Protein backbone atom coordinates (compact mmCIF):
# COMPACT_ATOMS: atom_id res chain seq x y z
CA UNK A 1 -18.38 98.52 -24.55
CA UNK A 2 -20.87 95.69 -24.15
CA UNK A 3 -21.34 93.05 -26.83
CA UNK A 4 -24.89 91.68 -26.81
CA UNK A 5 -25.82 88.10 -27.56
CA UNK A 6 -27.48 85.33 -25.62
CA UNK A 7 -25.13 86.08 -22.74
CA UNK A 8 -23.81 89.61 -22.24
CA UNK A 9 -20.08 90.12 -22.19
CA UNK A 10 -18.21 93.23 -21.15
CA UNK A 11 -14.98 93.95 -23.00
CA UNK A 12 -12.57 95.98 -20.88
CA UNK A 13 -10.60 98.76 -22.57
CA UNK A 14 -12.50 98.69 -25.83
CA UNK A 15 -13.99 102.17 -25.35
CA UNK A 16 -10.50 103.69 -25.11
CA UNK A 17 -9.38 101.78 -28.20
CA UNK A 18 -12.41 103.01 -30.16
CA UNK A 19 -11.77 106.60 -29.07
CA UNK A 20 -8.12 106.45 -30.13
CA UNK A 21 -9.06 104.78 -33.42
CA UNK A 22 -11.66 107.44 -34.29
CA UNK A 23 -9.01 110.16 -33.93
CA UNK A 24 -7.11 108.64 -36.85
CA UNK A 25 -9.82 109.68 -39.32
CA UNK A 26 -11.18 108.04 -42.45
CA UNK A 27 -7.77 106.70 -43.53
CA UNK A 28 -8.09 104.11 -40.76
CA UNK A 29 -11.42 102.71 -42.01
CA UNK A 30 -9.79 100.14 -44.38
CA UNK A 31 -8.20 98.50 -41.35
CA UNK A 32 -11.62 98.13 -39.77
CA UNK A 33 -13.14 96.84 -43.02
CA UNK A 34 -10.42 94.20 -43.30
CA UNK A 35 -10.84 93.19 -39.65
CA UNK A 36 -14.59 92.92 -40.06
CA UNK A 37 -14.23 90.70 -43.12
CA UNK A 38 -11.71 88.52 -41.29
CA UNK A 39 -14.08 88.23 -38.30
CA UNK A 40 -16.94 87.35 -40.65
CA UNK A 41 -14.79 84.57 -42.07
CA UNK A 42 -14.34 83.12 -38.60
CA UNK A 43 -18.11 83.09 -38.03
CA UNK A 44 -18.58 81.55 -41.48
CA UNK A 45 -16.20 78.69 -40.72
CA UNK A 46 -17.96 77.94 -37.47
CA UNK A 47 -21.40 78.12 -39.13
CA UNK A 48 -20.28 75.69 -41.85
CA UNK A 49 -19.18 73.22 -39.20
CA UNK A 50 -22.61 73.40 -37.57
CA UNK A 51 -24.85 72.84 -40.62
CA UNK A 52 -26.69 69.61 -39.91
CA UNK A 53 -27.85 68.81 -43.45
CA UNK A 54 -25.76 66.18 -45.23
CA UNK A 55 -26.31 67.39 -48.80
CA UNK A 56 -23.72 70.14 -48.43
CA UNK A 57 -25.84 72.60 -50.41
CA UNK A 58 -26.26 75.00 -47.48
CA UNK A 59 -22.55 74.77 -46.67
CA UNK A 60 -21.68 75.58 -50.28
CA UNK A 61 -24.05 78.55 -50.34
CA UNK A 62 -22.94 80.19 -47.07
CA UNK A 63 -20.92 83.33 -47.67
CA UNK A 64 -19.60 86.50 -46.09
CA UNK A 65 -20.96 89.77 -47.46
CA UNK A 66 -17.97 92.09 -47.23
CA UNK A 67 -18.09 95.15 -45.00
CA UNK A 68 -18.76 98.55 -46.53
CA UNK A 69 -18.27 102.06 -45.21
CA UNK A 70 -21.51 103.83 -44.39
CA UNK A 71 -21.71 107.57 -45.02
CA UNK A 72 -24.10 108.03 -42.12
CA UNK A 73 -22.21 105.83 -39.62
CA UNK A 74 -18.59 105.49 -40.84
CA UNK A 75 -17.40 103.57 -37.78
CA UNK A 76 -20.28 101.08 -37.80
CA UNK A 77 -18.65 98.57 -40.04
CA UNK A 78 -19.70 94.93 -40.15
CA UNK A 79 -19.58 91.92 -42.40
CA UNK A 80 -22.57 89.64 -42.64
CA UNK A 81 -22.69 85.85 -42.85
CA UNK A 82 -25.58 84.82 -45.06
CA UNK A 83 -26.47 82.43 -47.86
CA UNK A 84 -27.43 82.78 -51.51
CA UNK A 85 -31.03 82.52 -52.70
CA UNK A 86 -30.40 78.95 -53.89
CA UNK A 87 -30.27 77.94 -50.22
CA UNK A 88 -33.30 79.88 -49.00
CA UNK A 89 -34.42 76.73 -47.17
CA UNK A 90 -31.66 77.50 -44.68
CA UNK A 91 -34.12 79.82 -42.91
CA UNK A 92 -36.61 77.05 -41.98
CA UNK A 93 -33.64 74.82 -41.18
CA UNK A 94 -32.33 77.45 -38.75
CA UNK A 95 -35.71 78.39 -37.27
CA UNK A 96 -37.85 75.26 -37.69
CA UNK A 97 -41.15 75.16 -39.56
CA UNK A 98 -44.54 73.52 -39.87
CA UNK A 99 -44.94 70.69 -42.37
CA UNK A 100 -48.02 71.32 -44.52
CA UNK A 101 -49.26 68.84 -47.12
CA UNK A 102 -52.22 69.82 -49.31
CA UNK A 103 -53.20 72.54 -46.87
CA UNK A 104 -53.10 70.31 -43.80
CA UNK A 105 -50.64 70.78 -40.98
CA UNK A 106 -49.09 67.32 -40.60
CA UNK A 107 -46.22 68.08 -38.25
CA UNK A 108 -43.40 70.29 -37.21
CA UNK A 109 -39.77 70.25 -38.27
CA UNK A 110 -37.68 71.11 -35.26
CA UNK A 111 -35.22 74.00 -35.52
CA UNK A 112 -31.61 73.08 -36.25
CA UNK A 113 -29.78 76.36 -35.72
CA UNK A 114 -26.30 76.88 -37.06
CA UNK A 115 -25.96 80.63 -37.71
CA UNK A 116 -27.04 81.85 -34.26
CA UNK A 117 -24.81 79.41 -32.34
CA UNK A 118 -21.90 80.18 -34.66
CA UNK A 119 -22.26 83.90 -33.96
CA UNK A 120 -22.58 83.36 -30.21
CA UNK A 121 -19.60 81.00 -30.06
CA UNK A 122 -17.44 83.30 -32.22
CA UNK A 123 -18.06 86.40 -30.11
CA UNK A 124 -14.63 86.46 -28.45
CA UNK A 125 -12.80 85.73 -31.71
CA UNK A 126 -14.72 88.52 -33.44
CA UNK A 127 -13.94 91.06 -30.72
CA UNK A 128 -10.26 90.06 -30.70
CA UNK A 129 -10.02 90.28 -34.50
CA UNK A 130 -11.60 93.73 -34.65
CA UNK A 131 -9.46 94.98 -31.76
CA UNK A 132 -6.33 93.63 -33.49
CA UNK A 133 -7.22 95.46 -36.70
CA UNK A 134 -7.75 98.68 -34.76
CA UNK A 135 -4.43 98.24 -32.94
CA UNK A 136 -2.71 97.63 -36.27
CA UNK A 137 -4.11 100.88 -37.62
CA UNK A 138 -2.96 102.75 -34.52
CA UNK A 139 0.56 101.37 -34.71
CA UNK A 140 0.98 101.79 -38.48
CA UNK A 141 -0.58 105.24 -38.66
CA UNK A 142 1.34 106.69 -35.72
CA UNK A 143 -1.39 106.56 -33.14
CA UNK A 144 -1.00 105.32 -29.61
CA UNK A 145 0.03 101.75 -28.58
C-alpha cells in the first residue's frame, strides 16, 4: 500500500494485513474506528503545536471529527482534523491571503501552514496506529498474528 503526501512512502506488509483484517467482517470495524480516532488525535496534537498565532483561539477550536462507518466503503474509515466555524480564519492562516482595504489590494499575508505539515509529519505515527488497531482486532478476534 502506498501512502500519498508530499513525499511518497511505501509501507511493506500492509496489503497482507488489510486482507487478513477484511476477512474478520464488520465486527472488526470498531477496532479500525478507534485506531482512526487515535491517529487523528496524534495529528491534532502536532497541528496544535504548529499554530503560529499567539491568541490561542485556533488552538482551542481545533478538533478531531470522529471516524464513522460508511455503508458504501466500510473499510475506508478516517478521522478528520478540522476546526469549528468560530475559527474560520484558520483557512487564510494556513493558505495565506490578500489584504484588501476598501476594495484595494494593499498586500499579501504569507501562508503559515500548520495542518498540512502536521499531517505530513504524522504519517508514520498514523500508519503505525492504524496497523496496531488492525493487529489488535486480528489477535482478539482469532485471526492471524
